Amino acid sequence: MGNRILIVDDQKGVRRLLEELFKRESWEVFVAGDGLEAITEVERINPDIVLMDMKMPNMNGLEASEQILSRFPDTFIIMMTAYGEMDVVKLALETGVKRCITKPFDIMVLRDLVNELRMERI
């Protein structure tokens, strides 16, 4: 199994920060700016893990996750949500998202969460 991660966030700075972090961790990193791009990228690259922001233009993270998981049910998705969106977290987990992390988050905590999920896949 490879180590492909797709980072989906409409904020360029967040994508760049996470891209740098996971490249240093030896991941093959791909990025998307919204839910529609995320679906296209998942179909193209079949990532091991998707880091999905919740609030994005065109298609939000929950809608994109539902579509991705309906076609690729083994995809591990971590949803990044704003603090206090417990209703969104509940819906995301019911949809099949593996984990949720609230923004702002400590990138080292996120790194450890991703590595934990990578070990679950092995």
PDB file of N, CA and C in Angstrom:
ATOM      1  N   MET A   1       0.829  -1.175   0.000  1.00  0.00           N
ATOM      2  CA  MET A   1       0.000   0.000   0.000  1.00  0.00           C
ATOM      3  C   MET A   1       0.873   1.237   0.000  1.00  0.00           C
ATOM      4  N   GLY A   2       0.472   2.230  -0.774  1.00  0.00           N
ATOM      5  CA  GLY A   2       1.207   3.478  -0.812  1.00  0.00           C
ATOM      6  C   GLY A   2       0.792   4.388   0.326  1.00  0.00           C
ATOM      7  N   ASN A   3       1.315   5.568   0.293  1.00  0.00           N
ATOM      8  CA  ASN A   3       0.951   6.576   1.280  1.00  0.00           C
ATOM      9  C   ASN A   3       0.500   7.828   0.552  1.00  0.00           C
ATOM     10  N   ARG A   4      -0.692   7.764  -0.014  1.00  0.00           N
ATOM     11  CA  ARG A   4      -1.252   8.902  -0.747  1.00  0.00           C
ATOM     12  C   ARG A   4      -2.258   9.617   0.122  1.00  0.00           C
ATOM     13  N   ILE A   5      -2.097  10.943   0.214  1.00  0.00           N
ATOM     14  CA  ILE A   5      -3.024  11.746   1.002  1.00  0.00           C
ATOM     15  C   ILE A   5      -3.532  12.886   0.128  1.00  0.00           C
ATOM     16  N   LEU A   6      -4.829  13.126   0.219  1.00  0.00           N
ATOM     17  CA  LEU A   6      -5.467  14.229  -0.494  1.00  0.00           C
ATOM     18  C   LEU A   6      -5.892  15.263   0.543  1.00  0.00           C
ATOM     19  N   ILE A   7      -5.423  16.489   0.369  1.00  0.00           N
ATOM     20  CA  ILE A   7      -5.751  17.587   1.268  1.00  0.00           C
ATOM     21  C   ILE A   7      -6.772  18.473   0.556  1.00  0.00           C
ATOM     22  N   VAL A   8      -7.950  18.615   1.162  1.00  0.00           N
ATOM     23  CA  VAL A   8      -9.039  19.377   0.544  1.00  0.00           C
ATOM     24  C   VAL A   8      -9.398  20.545   1.456  1.00  0.00           C
ATOM     25  N   ASP A   9      -9.092  21.755   0.997  1.00  0.00           N
ATOM     26  CA  ASP A   9      -9.410  22.961   1.765  1.00  0.00           C
ATOM     27  C   ASP A   9      -9.448  24.135   0.801  1.00  0.00           C
ATOM     28  N   ASP A  10     -10.399  25.046   0.991  1.00  0.00           N
ATOM     29  CA  ASP A  10     -10.486  26.198   0.098  1.00  0.00           C
ATOM     30  C   ASP A  10      -9.469  27.277   0.446  1.00  0.00           C
ATOM     31  N   GLN A  11      -8.795  27.159   1.574  1.00  0.00           N
ATOM     32  CA  GLN A  11      -7.770  28.126   1.963  1.00  0.00           C
ATOM     33  C   GLN A  11      -6.396  27.643   1.510  1.00  0.00           C
ATOM     34  N   LYS A  12      -5.812  28.400   0.602  1.00  0.00           N
ATOM     35  CA  LYS A  12      -4.523  28.021   0.016  1.00  0.00           C
ATOM     36  C   LYS A  12      -3.438  27.843   1.080  1.00  0.00           C
ATOM     37  N   GLY A  13      -3.445  28.717   2.086  1.00  0.00           N
ATOM     38  CA  GLY A  13      -2.443  28.633   3.148  1.00  0.00           C
ATOM     39  C   GLY A  13      -2.522  27.331   3.926  1.00  0.00           C
ATOM     40  N   VAL A  14      -3.731  26.881   4.205  1.00  0.00           N
ATOM     41  CA  VAL A  14      -3.923  25.611   4.921  1.00  0.00           C
ATOM     42  C   VAL A  14      -3.428  24.457   4.051  1.00  0.00           C
ATOM     43  N   ARG A  15      -3.785  24.478   2.764  1.00  0.00           N
ATOM     44  CA  ARG A  15      -3.324  23.414   1.858  1.00  0.00           C
ATOM     45  C   ARG A  15      -1.796  23.357   1.829  1.00  0.00           C
ATOM     46  N   ARG A  16      -1.160  24.515   1.705  1.00  0.00           N
ATOM     47  CA  ARG A  16       0.314  24.552   1.633  1.00  0.00           C
ATOM     48  C   ARG A  16       0.961  24.049   2.915  1.00  0.00           C
ATOM     49  N   LEU A  17       0.448  24.498   4.051  1.00  0.00           N
ATOM     50  CA  LEU A  17       0.991  24.074   5.342  1.00  0.00           C
ATOM     51  C   LEU A  17       0.915  22.559   5.494  1.00  0.00           C
ATOM     52  N   LEU A  18      -0.265  22.003   5.212  1.00  0.00           N
ATOM     53  CA  LEU A  18      -0.447  20.556   5.360  1.00  0.00           C
ATOM     54  C   LEU A  18       0.331  19.778   4.300  1.00  0.00           C
ATOM     55  N   GLU A  19       0.424  20.337   3.104  1.00  0.00           N
ATOM     56  CA  GLU A  19       1.205  19.692   2.046  1.00  0.00           C
ATOM     57  C   GLU A  19       2.670  19.567   2.477  1.00  0.00           C
ATOM     58  N   GLU A  20       3.242  20.635   3.008  1.00  0.00           N
ATOM     59  CA  GLU A  20       4.637  20.600   3.476  1.00  0.00           C
ATOM     60  C   GLU A  20       4.816  19.579   4.594  1.00  0.00           C
ATOM     61  N   LEU A  21       3.897  19.595   5.554  1.00  0.00           N
ATOM     62  CA  LEU A  21       3.965  18.674   6.684  1.00  0.00           C
ATOM     63  C   LEU A  21       3.987  17.222   6.215  1.00  0.00           C
ATOM     64  N   PHE A  22       3.047  16.862   5.352  1.00  0.00           N
ATOM     65  CA  PHE A  22       2.939  15.457   4.971  1.00  0.00           C
ATOM     66  C   PHE A  22       4.003  15.033   3.958  1.00  0.00           C
ATOM     67  N   LYS A  23       4.524  15.953   3.178  1.00  0.00           N
ATOM     68  CA  LYS A  23       5.666  15.615   2.316  1.00  0.00           C
ATOM     69  C   LYS A  23       6.868  15.251   3.178  1.00  0.00           C
ATOM     70  N   ARG A  24       7.063  15.987   4.278  1.00  0.00           N
ATOM     71  CA  ARG A  24       8.169  15.663   5.203  1.00  0.00           C
ATOM     72  C   ARG A  24       7.955  14.312   5.861  1.00  0.00           C
ATOM     73  N   GLU A  25       6.705  13.888   5.950  1.00  0.00           N
ATOM     74  CA  GLU A  25       6.375  12.592   6.557  1.00  0.00           C
ATOM     75  C   GLU A  25       6.356  11.467   5.515  1.00  0.00           C
ATOM     76  N   SER A  26       6.866  11.753   4.323  1.00  0.00           N
ATOM     77  CA  SER A  26       6.998  10.774   3.229  1.00  0.00           C
ATOM     78  C   SER A  26       5.672  10.362   2.594  1.00  0.00           C
ATOM     79  N   TRP A  27       4.682  11.248   2.620  1.00  0.00           N
ATOM     80  CA  TRP A  27       3.426  11.004   1.928  1.00  0.00           C
ATOM     81  C   TRP A  27       3.512  11.538   0.515  1.00  0.00           C
ATOM     82  N   GLU A  28       2.814  10.911  -0.397  1.00  0.00           N
ATOM     83  CA  GLU A  28       2.608  11.458  -1.727  1.00  0.00           C
ATOM     84  C   GLU A  28       1.363  12.340  -1.585  1.00  0.00           C
ATOM     85  N   VAL A  29       1.536  13.658  -1.751  1.00  0.00           N
ATOM     86  CA  VAL A  29       0.500  14.622  -1.408  1.00  0.00           C
ATOM     87  C   VAL A  29      -0.185  15.183  -2.657  1.00  0.00           C
ATOM     88  N   PHE A  30      -1.514  15.248  -2.587  1.00  0.00           N
ATOM     89  CA  PHE A  30      -2.344  15.847  -3.630  1.00  0.00           C
ATOM     90  C   PHE A  30      -3.252  16.864  -2.942  1.00  0.00           C
ATOM     91  N   VAL A  31      -3.672  17.887  -3.683  1.00  0.00           N
ATOM     92  CA  VAL A  31      -4.521  18.914  -3.077  1.00  0.00           C
ATOM     93  C   VAL A  31      -5.728  19.210  -3.953  1.00  0.00           C
ATOM     94  N   ALA A  32      -6.787  19.699  -3.299  1.00  0.00           N
ATOM     95  CA  ALA A  32      -7.993  20.137  -3.997  1.00  0.00           C
ATOM     96  C   ALA A  32      -8.560  21.326  -3.229  1.00  0.00           C
ATOM     97  N   GLY A  33      -9.217  22.244  -3.952  1.00  0.00           N
ATOM     98  CA  GLY A  33      -9.726  23.464  -3.347  1.00  0.00           C
ATOM     99  C   GLY A  33     -11.184  23.441  -2.945  1.00  0.00           C
ATOM    100  N   ASP A  34     -11.906  22.382  -3.332  1.00  0.00           N
ATOM    101  CA  ASP A  34     -13.313  22.267  -2.927  1.00  0.00           C
ATOM    102  C   ASP A  34     -13.773  20.819  -3.093  1.00  0.00           C
ATOM    103  N   GLY A  35     -15.023  20.576  -2.721  1.00  0.00           N
ATOM    104  CA  GLY A  35     -15.555  19.218  -2.750  1.00  0.00           C
ATOM    105  C   GLY A  35     -15.618  18.608  -4.139  1.00  0.00           C
ATOM    106  N   LEU A  36     -15.943  19.418  -5.139  1.00  0.00           N
ATOM    107  CA  LEU A  36     -16.007  18.902  -6.511  1.00  0.00           C
ATOM    108  C   LEU A  36     -14.632  18.432  -6.987  1.00  0.00           C
ATOM    109  N   GLU A  37     -13.614  19.260  -6.718  1.00  0.00           N
ATOM    110  CA  GLU A  37     -12.242  18.864  -7.075  1.00  0.00           C
ATOM    111  C   GLU A  37     -11.832  17.606  -6.311  1.00  0.00           C
ATOM    112  N   ALA A  38     -12.264  17.512  -5.064  1.00  0.00           N
ATOM    113  CA  ALA A  38     -11.912  16.354  -4.242  1.00  0.00           C
ATOM    114  C   ALA A  38     -12.420  15.059  -4.870  1.00  0.00           C
ATOM    115  N   ILE A  39     -13.664  15.072  -5.335  1.00  0.00           N
ATOM    116  CA  ILE A  39     -14.241  13.872  -5.952  1.00  0.00           C
ATOM    117  C   ILE A  39     -13.443  13.479  -7.193  1.00  0.00           C
ATOM    118  N   THR A  40     -13.102  14.463  -8.020  1.00  0.00           N
ATOM    119  CA  THR A  40     -12.308  14.202  -9.215  1.00  0.00           C
ATOM    120  C   THR A  40     -10.952  13.613  -8.856  1.00  0.00           C
ATOM    121  N   GLU A  41     -10.308  14.180  -7.835  1.00  0.00           N
ATOM    122  CA  GLU A  41      -8.983  13.697  -7.428  1.00  0.00           C
ATOM    123  C   GLU A  41      -9.049  12.287  -6.840  1.00  0.00           C
ATOM    124  N   VAL A  42     -10.074  12.004  -6.051  1.00  0.00           N
ATOM    125  CA  VAL A  42     -10.206  10.657  -5.481  1.00  0.00           C
ATOM    126  C   VAL A  42     -10.354   9.634  -6.603  1.00  0.00           C
ATOM    127  N   GLU A  43     -11.158   9.961  -7.601  1.00  0.00           N
ATOM    128  CA  GLU A  43     -11.325   9.053  -8.742  1.00  0.00           C
ATOM    129  C   GLU A  43     -10.009   8.855  -9.492  1.00  0.00           C
ATOM    130  N   ARG A  44      -9.198   9.906  -9.559  1.00  0.00           N
ATOM    131  CA  ARG A  44      -7.953   9.871 -10.313  1.00  0.00           C
ATOM    132  C   ARG A  44      -6.822   9.166  -9.562  1.00  0.00           C
ATOM    133  N   ILE A  45      -6.680   9.452  -8.270  1.00  0.00           N
ATOM    134  CA  ILE A  45      -5.490   8.976  -7.552  1.00  0.00           C
ATOM    135  C   ILE A  45      -5.760   7.899  -6.513  1.00  0.00           C
ATOM    136  N   ASN A  46      -7.025   7.693  -6.114  1.00  0.00           N
ATOM    137  CA  ASN A  46      -7.378   6.705  -5.087  1.00  0.00           C
ATOM    138  C   ASN A  46      -6.488   6.846  -3.843  1.00  0.00           C
ATOM    139  N   PRO A  47      -6.632   7.958  -3.117  1.00  0.00           N
ATOM    140  CA  PRO A  47      -5.772   8.191  -1.953  1.00  0.00           C
ATOM    141  C   PRO A  47      -6.077   7.243  -0.801  1.00  0.00           C
ATOM    142  N   ASP A  48      -5.096   7.075   0.068  1.00  0.00           N
ATOM    143  CA  ASP A  48      -5.286   6.264   1.268  1.00  0.00           C
ATOM    144  C   ASP A  48      -6.096   7.026   2.310  1.00  0.00           C
ATOM    145  N   ILE A  49      -5.820   8.334   2.405  1.00  0.00           N
ATOM    146  CA  ILE A  49      -6.491   9.186   3.379  1.00  0.00           C
ATOM    147  C   ILE A  49      -6.851  10.515   2.721  1.00  0.00           C
ATOM    148  N   VAL A  50      -8.025  11.046   3.074  1.00  0.00           N
ATOM    149  CA  VAL A  50      -8.455  12.360   2.607  1.00  0.00           C
ATOM    150  C   VAL A  50      -8.646  13.245   3.836  1.00  0.00           C
ATOM    151  N   LEU A  51      -7.970  14.395   3.845  1.00  0.00           N
ATOM    152  CA  LEU A  51      -8.215  15.425   4.854  1.00  0.00           C
ATOM    153  C   LEU A  51      -9.207  16.393   4.234  1.00  0.00           C
ATOM    154  N   MET A  52     -10.414  16.437   4.750  1.00  0.00           N
ATOM    155  CA  MET A  52     -11.508  17.173   4.112  1.00  0.00           C
ATOM    156  C   MET A  52     -11.991  18.318   4.999  1.00  0.00           C
ATOM    157  N   ASP A  53     -11.884  19.548   4.494  1.00  0.00           N
ATOM    158  CA  ASP A  53     -12.460  20.689   5.198  1.00  0.00           C
ATOM    159  C   ASP A  53     -13.975  20.616   5.060  1.00  0.00           C
ATOM    160  N   MET A  54     -14.684  21.113   6.043  1.00  0.00           N
ATOM    161  CA  MET A  54     -16.148  21.079   5.978  1.00  0.00           C
ATOM    162  C   MET A  54     -16.709  22.207   5.132  1.00  0.00           C
ATOM    163  N   LYS A  55     -16.312  23.434   5.436  1.00  0.00           N
ATOM    164  CA  LYS A  55     -16.915  24.595   4.763  1.00  0.00           C
ATOM    165  C   LYS A  55     -16.064  25.029   3.575  1.00  0.00           C
ATOM    166  N   MET A  56     -16.630  24.826   2.377  1.00  0.00           N
ATOM    167  CA  MET A  56     -15.962  25.194   1.136  1.00  0.00           C
ATOM    168  C   MET A  56     -17.012  25.614   0.125  1.00  0.00           C
ATOM    169  N   PRO A  57     -16.605  26.408  -0.864  1.00  0.00           N
ATOM    170  CA  PRO A  57     -17.553  26.782  -1.922  1.00  0.00           C
ATOM    171  C   PRO A  57     -17.833  25.597  -2.852  1.00  0.00           C
ATOM    172  N   ASN A  58     -18.845  25.723  -3.671  1.00  0.00           N
ATOM    173  CA  ASN A  58     -19.249  24.732  -4.685  1.00  0.00           C
ATOM    174  C   ASN A  58     -19.843  23.462  -4.093  1.00  0.00           C
ATOM    175  N   MET A  59     -19.114  22.797  -3.219  1.00  0.00           N
ATOM    176  CA  MET A  59     -19.627  21.599  -2.553  1.00  0.00           C
ATOM    177  C   MET A  59     -18.907  21.469  -1.223  1.00  0.00           C
ATOM    178  N   ASN A  60     -19.654  21.378  -0.131  1.00  0.00           N
ATOM    179  CA  ASN A  60     -18.996  21.289   1.174  1.00  0.00           C
ATOM    180  C   ASN A  60     -18.423  19.898   1.428  1.00  0.00           C
ATOM    181  N   GLY A  61     -17.681  19.787   2.497  1.00  0.00           N
ATOM    182  CA  GLY A  61     -16.984  18.548   2.809  1.00  0.00           C
ATOM    183  C   GLY A  61     -17.899  17.376   3.102  1.00  0.00           C
ATOM    184  N   LEU A  62     -19.039  17.644   3.716  1.00  0.00           N
ATOM    185  CA  LEU A  62     -19.976  16.563   4.027  1.00  0.00           C
ATOM    186  C   LEU A  62     -20.563  15.973   2.749  1.00  0.00           C
ATOM    187  N   GLU A  63     -20.996  16.850   1.844  1.00  0.00           N
ATOM    188  CA  GLU A  63     -21.545  16.380   0.561  1.00  0.00           C
ATOM    189  C   GLU A  63     -20.497  15.608  -0.238  1.00  0.00           C
ATOM    190  N   ALA A  64     -19.275  16.147  -0.277  1.00  0.00           N
ATOM    191  CA  ALA A  64     -18.206  15.471  -1.011  1.00  0.00           C
ATOM    192  C   ALA A  64     -17.884  14.115  -0.383  1.00  0.00           C
ATOM    193  N   SER A  65     -17.842  14.065   0.942  1.00  0.00           N
ATOM    194  CA  SER A  65     -17.554  12.801   1.637  1.00  0.00           C
ATOM    195  C   SER A  65     -18.614  11.754   1.330  1.00  0.00           C
ATOM    196  N   GLU A  66     -19.886  12.174   1.339  1.00  0.00           N
ATOM    197  CA  GLU A  66     -20.966  11.236   1.021  1.00  0.00           C
ATOM    198  C   GLU A  66     -20.775  10.637  -0.369  1.00  0.00           C
ATOM    199  N   GLN A  67     -20.450  11.485  -1.348  1.00  0.00           N
ATOM    200  CA  GLN A  67     -20.275  10.999  -2.716  1.00  0.00           C
ATOM    201  C   GLN A  67     -19.048  10.101  -2.833  1.00  0.00           C
ATOM    202  N   ILE A  68     -17.959  10.510  -2.200  1.00  0.00           N
ATOM    203  CA  ILE A  68     -16.733   9.709  -2.254  1.00  0.00           C
ATOM    204  C   ILE A  68     -16.972   8.338  -1.619  1.00  0.00           C
ATOM    205  N   LEU A  69     -17.562   8.331  -0.427  1.00  0.00           N
ATOM    206  CA  LEU A  69     -17.762   7.065   0.285  1.00  0.00           C
ATOM    207  C   LEU A  69     -18.795   6.166  -0.381  1.00  0.00           C
ATOM    208  N   SER A  70     -19.738   6.749  -1.136  1.00  0.00           N
ATOM    209  CA  SER A  70     -20.704   5.907  -1.852  1.00  0.00           C
ATOM    210  C   SER A  70     -20.010   5.147  -2.989  1.00  0.00           C
ATOM    211  N   ARG A  71     -18.967   5.722  -3.560  1.00  0.00           N
ATOM    212  CA  ARG A  71     -18.233   5.069  -4.653  1.00  0.00           C
ATOM    213  C   ARG A  71     -16.986   4.328  -4.183  1.00  0.00           C
ATOM    214  N   PHE A  72     -16.367   4.856  -3.128  1.00  0.00           N
ATOM    215  CA  PHE A  72     -15.111   4.296  -2.617  1.00  0.00           C
ATOM    216  C   PHE A  72     -15.238   4.111  -1.104  1.00  0.00           C
ATOM    217  N   PRO A  73     -15.993   3.110  -0.661  1.00  0.00           N
ATOM    218  CA  PRO A  73     -16.315   2.973   0.761  1.00  0.00           C
ATOM    219  C   PRO A  73     -15.108   2.704   1.668  1.00  0.00           C
ATOM    220  N   ASP A  74     -13.984   2.293   1.108  1.00  0.00           N
ATOM    221  CA  ASP A  74     -12.808   2.017   1.933  1.00  0.00           C
ATOM    222  C   ASP A  74     -11.919   3.237   2.144  1.00  0.00           C
ATOM    223  N   THR A  75     -12.315   4.379   1.582  1.00  0.00           N
ATOM    224  CA  THR A  75     -11.520   5.594   1.732  1.00  0.00           C
ATOM    225  C   THR A  75     -11.607   6.094   3.172  1.00  0.00           C
ATOM    226  N   PHE A  76     -10.466   6.416   3.745  1.00  0.00           N
ATOM    227  CA  PHE A  76     -10.418   6.971   5.094  1.00  0.00           C
ATOM    228  C   PHE A  76     -10.468   8.491   4.979  1.00  0.00           C
ATOM    229  N   ILE A  77     -11.501   9.096   5.544  1.00  0.00           N
ATOM    230  CA  ILE A  77     -11.654  10.549   5.499  1.00  0.00           C
ATOM    231  C   ILE A  77     -11.595  11.111   6.912  1.00  0.00           C
ATOM    232  N   ILE A  78     -10.797  12.169   7.059  1.00  0.00           N
ATOM    233  CA  ILE A  78     -10.753  12.944   8.295  1.00  0.00           C
ATOM    234  C   ILE A  78     -11.389  14.291   7.976  1.00  0.00           C
ATOM    235  N   MET A  79     -12.464  14.625   8.676  1.00  0.00           N
ATOM    236  CA  MET A  79     -13.168  15.883   8.451  1.00  0.00           C
ATOM    237  C   MET A  79     -12.613  16.950   9.381  1.00  0.00           C
ATOM    238  N   MET A  80     -12.300  18.119   8.794  1.00  0.00           N
ATOM    239  CA  MET A  80     -11.824  19.260   9.566  1.00  0.00           C
ATOM    240  C   MET A  80     -12.983  20.248   9.691  1.00  0.00           C
ATOM    241  N   THR A  81     -13.475  20.451  10.922  1.00  0.00           N
ATOM    242  CA  THR A  81     -14.644  21.300  11.142  1.00  0.00           C
ATOM    243  C   THR A  81     -14.303  22.446  12.079  1.00  0.00           C
ATOM    244  N   ALA A  82     -15.116  23.486  12.049  1.00  0.00           N
ATOM    245  CA  ALA A  82     -14.953  24.606  12.974  1.00  0.00           C
ATOM    246  C   ALA A  82     -15.379  24.162  14.370  1.00  0.00           C
ATOM    247  N   TYR A  83     -14.802  24.780  15.354  1.00  0.00           N
ATOM    248  CA  TYR A  83     -15.138  24.476  16.741  1.00  0.00           C
ATOM    249  C   TYR A  83     -16.642  24.650  16.969  1.00  0.00           C
ATOM    250  N   GLY A  84     -17.251  23.666  17.618  1.00  0.00           N
ATOM    251  CA  GLY A  84     -18.649  23.791  17.990  1.00  0.00           C
ATOM    252  C   GLY A  84     -19.651  23.226  17.000  1.00  0.00           C
ATOM    253  N   GLU A  85     -19.201  22.676  15.907  1.00  0.00           N
ATOM    254  CA  GLU A  85     -20.120  22.113  14.904  1.00  0.00           C
ATOM    255  C   GLU A  85     -20.407  20.640  15.200  1.00  0.00           C
ATOM    256  N   MET A  86     -20.935  20.381  16.383  1.00  0.00           N
ATOM    257  CA  MET A  86     -21.148  18.995  16.801  1.00  0.00           C
ATOM    258  C   MET A  86     -22.183  18.274  15.942  1.00  0.00           C
ATOM    259  N   ASP A  87     -23.174  19.006  15.435  1.00  0.00           N
ATOM    260  CA  ASP A  87     -24.167  18.378  14.572  1.00  0.00           C
ATOM    261  C   ASP A  87     -23.509  17.898  13.272  1.00  0.00           C
ATOM    262  N   VAL A  88     -22.564  18.676  12.756  1.00  0.00           N
ATOM    263  CA  VAL A  88     -21.837  18.299  11.541  1.00  0.00           C
ATOM    264  C   VAL A  88     -20.967  17.076  11.813  1.00  0.00           C
ATOM    265  N   VAL A  89     -20.304  17.074  12.961  1.00  0.00           N
ATOM    266  CA  VAL A  89     -19.453  15.940  13.330  1.00  0.00           C
ATOM    267  C   VAL A  89     -20.285  14.664  13.376  1.00  0.00           C
ATOM    268  N   LYS A  90     -21.445  14.733  14.004  1.00  0.00           N
ATOM    269  CA  LYS A  90     -22.326  13.558  14.102  1.00  0.00           C
ATOM    270  C   LYS A  90     -22.734  13.061  12.715  1.00  0.00           C
ATOM    271  N   LEU A  91     -23.152  13.974  11.839  1.00  0.00           N
ATOM    272  CA  LEU A  91     -23.534  13.596  10.471  1.00  0.00           C
ATOM    273  C   LEU A  91     -22.360  12.999   9.713  1.00  0.00           C
ATOM    274  N   ALA A  92     -21.188  13.600   9.868  1.00  0.00           N
ATOM    275  CA  ALA A  92     -19.999  13.113   9.160  1.00  0.00           C
ATOM    276  C   ALA A  92     -19.671  11.679   9.579  1.00  0.00           C
ATOM    277  N   LEU A  93     -19.707  11.422  10.874  1.00  0.00           N
ATOM    278  CA  LEU A  93     -19.391  10.075  11.362  1.00  0.00           C
ATOM    279  C   LEU A  93     -20.452   9.065  10.906  1.00  0.00           C
ATOM    280  N   GLU A  94     -21.709   9.486  10.876  1.00  0.00           N
ATOM    281  CA  GLU A  94     -22.777   8.608  10.378  1.00  0.00           C
ATOM    282  C   GLU A  94     -22.596   8.300   8.897  1.00  0.00           C
ATOM    283  N   THR A  95     -22.023   9.235   8.162  1.00  0.00           N
ATOM    284  CA  THR A  95     -21.778   9.057   6.724  1.00  0.00           C
ATOM    285  C   THR A  95     -20.656   8.059   6.458  1.00  0.00           C
ATOM    286  N   GLY A  96     -19.769   7.902   7.426  1.00  0.00           N
ATOM    287  CA  GLY A  96     -18.647   6.985   7.235  1.00  0.00           C
ATOM    288  C   GLY A  96     -17.289   7.635   7.349  1.00  0.00           C
ATOM    289  N   VAL A  97     -17.267   8.935   7.659  1.00  0.00           N
ATOM    290  CA  VAL A  97     -15.999   9.622   7.918  1.00  0.00           C
ATOM    291  C   VAL A  97     -15.362   8.954   9.135  1.00  0.00           C
ATOM    292  N   LYS A  98     -14.045   8.699   9.057  1.00  0.00           N
ATOM    293  CA  LYS A  98     -13.376   7.958  10.134  1.00  0.00           C
ATOM    294  C   LYS A  98     -13.133   8.785  11.384  1.00  0.00           C
ATOM    295  N   ARG A  99     -12.727  10.033  11.205  1.00  0.00           N
ATOM    296  CA  ARG A  99     -12.418  10.900  12.339  1.00  0.00           C
ATOM    297  C   ARG A  99     -12.776  12.338  11.990  1.00  0.00           C
ATOM    298  N   CYS A 100     -12.963  13.137  13.042  1.00  0.00           N
ATOM    299  CA  CYS A 100     -13.166  14.573  12.875  1.00  0.00           C
ATOM    300  C   CYS A 100     -12.179  15.296  13.780  1.00  0.00           C
ATOM    301  N   ILE A 101     -11.703  16.432  13.296  1.00  0.00           N
ATOM    302  CA  ILE A 101     -10.803  17.261  14.088  1.00  0.00           C
ATOM    303  C   ILE A 101     -11.292  18.693  13.947  1.00  0.00           C
ATOM    304  N   THR A 102     -11.300  19.430  15.069  1.00  0.00           N
ATOM    305  CA  THR A 102     -11.820  20.792  15.026  1.00  0.00           C
ATOM    306  C   THR A 102     -10.710  21.797  14.764  1.00  0.00           C
ATOM    307  N   LYS A 103     -11.067  22.798  13.953  1.00  0.00           N
ATOM    308  CA  LYS A 103     -10.167  23.908  13.673  1.00  0.00           C
ATOM    309  C   LYS A 103     -10.383  24.980  14.739  1.00  0.00           C
ATOM    310  N   PRO A 104      -9.373  25.679  15.141  1.00  0.00           N
ATOM    311  CA  PRO A 104      -7.979  25.467  14.757  1.00  0.00           C
ATOM    312  C   PRO A 104      -7.426  24.224  15.448  1.00  0.00           C
ATOM    313  N   PHE A 105      -6.547  23.523  14.756  1.00  0.00           N
ATOM    314  CA  PHE A 105      -5.976  22.306  15.331  1.00  0.00           C
ATOM    315  C   PHE A 105      -4.459  22.430  15.382  1.00  0.00           C
ATOM    316  N   ASP A 106      -3.881  21.624  16.222  1.00  0.00           N
ATOM    317  CA  ASP A 106      -2.424  21.511  16.322  1.00  0.00           C
ATOM    318  C   ASP A 106      -1.994  20.577  15.192  1.00  0.00           C
ATOM    319  N   ILE A 107      -1.117  21.028  14.315  1.00  0.00           N
ATOM    320  CA  ILE A 107      -0.764  20.190  13.161  1.00  0.00           C
ATOM    321  C   ILE A 107      -0.062  18.904  13.568  1.00  0.00           C
ATOM    322  N   MET A 108       0.588  18.901  14.724  1.00  0.00           N
ATOM    323  CA  MET A 108       1.238  17.669  15.185  1.00  0.00           C
ATOM    324  C   MET A 108       0.181  16.646  15.639  1.00  0.00           C
ATOM    325  N   VAL A 109      -0.908  17.132  16.208  1.00  0.00           N
ATOM    326  CA  VAL A 109      -2.011  16.239  16.586  1.00  0.00           C
ATOM    327  C   VAL A 109      -2.629  15.655  15.319  1.00  0.00           C
ATOM    328  N   LEU A 110      -2.807  16.494  14.294  1.00  0.00           N
ATOM    329  CA  LEU A 110      -3.340  16.010  13.019  1.00  0.00           C
ATOM    330  C   LEU A 110      -2.396  14.996  12.391  1.00  0.00           C
ATOM    331  N   ARG A 111      -1.109  15.283  12.412  1.00  0.00           N
ATOM    332  CA  ARG A 111      -0.116  14.346  11.873  1.00  0.00           C
ATOM    333  C   ARG A 111      -0.222  12.990  12.563  1.00  0.00           C
ATOM    334  N   ASP A 112      -0.315  13.009  13.893  1.00  0.00           N
ATOM    335  CA  ASP A 112      -0.411  11.758  14.647  1.00  0.00           C
ATOM    336  C   ASP A 112      -1.702  11.011  14.317  1.00  0.00           C
ATOM    337  N   LEU A 113      -2.796  11.744  14.139  1.00  0.00           N
ATOM    338  CA  LEU A 113      -4.078  11.129  13.778  1.00  0.00           C
ATOM    339  C   LEU A 113      -3.987  10.451  12.412  1.00  0.00           C
ATOM    340  N   VAL A 114      -3.378  11.126  11.450  1.00  0.00           N
ATOM    341  CA  VAL A 114      -3.195  10.553  10.113  1.00  0.00           C
ATOM    342  C   VAL A 114      -2.321   9.304  10.186  1.00  0.00           C
ATOM    343  N   ASN A 115      -1.242   9.367  10.945  1.00  0.00           N
ATOM    344  CA  ASN A 115      -0.366   8.199  11.059  1.00  0.00           C
ATOM    345  C   ASN A 115      -1.054   7.039  11.766  1.00  0.00           C
ATOM    346  N   GLU A 116      -1.910   7.361  12.733  1.00  0.00           N
ATOM    347  CA  GLU A 116      -2.699   6.329  13.419  1.00  0.00           C
ATOM    348  C   GLU A 116      -3.632   5.628  12.423  1.00  0.00           C
ATOM    349  N   LEU A 117      -4.306   6.419  11.580  1.00  0.00           N
ATOM    350  CA  LEU A 117      -5.204   5.828  10.578  1.00  0.00           C
ATOM    351  C   LEU A 117      -4.419   5.021   9.545  1.00  0.00           C
ATOM    352  N   ARG A 118      -3.231   5.498   9.195  1.00  0.00           N
ATOM    353  CA  ARG A 118      -2.396   4.749   8.246  1.00  0.00           C
ATOM    354  C   ARG A 118      -2.105   3.358   8.811  1.00  0.00           C
ATOM    355  N   MET A 119      -1.828   3.276  10.110  1.00  0.00           N
ATOM    356  CA  MET A 119      -1.542   1.985  10.723  1.00  0.00           C
ATOM    357  C   MET A 119      -2.783   1.082  10.735  1.00  0.00           C
ATOM    358  N   GLU A 120      -3.970   1.667  10.862  1.00  0.00           N
ATOM    359  CA  GLU A 120      -5.213   0.884  10.828  1.00  0.00           C
ATOM    360  C   GLU A 120      -5.415   0.236   9.469  1.00  0.00           C
ATOM    361  N   ARG A 121      -4.929   0.886   8.415  1.00  0.00           N
ATOM    362  CA  ARG A 121      -5.122   0.369   7.059  1.00  0.00           C
ATOM    363  C   ARG A 121      -4.202  -0.799   6.747  1.00  0.00           C
ATOM    364  N   ILE A 122      -3.104  -0.888   7.478  1.00  0.00           N
ATOM    365  CA  ILE A 122      -2.112  -1.942   7.161  1.00  0.00           C
ATOM    366  C   ILE A 122      -2.590  -3.300   7.637  1.00  0.00           C
TER     367      ILE A 122
END
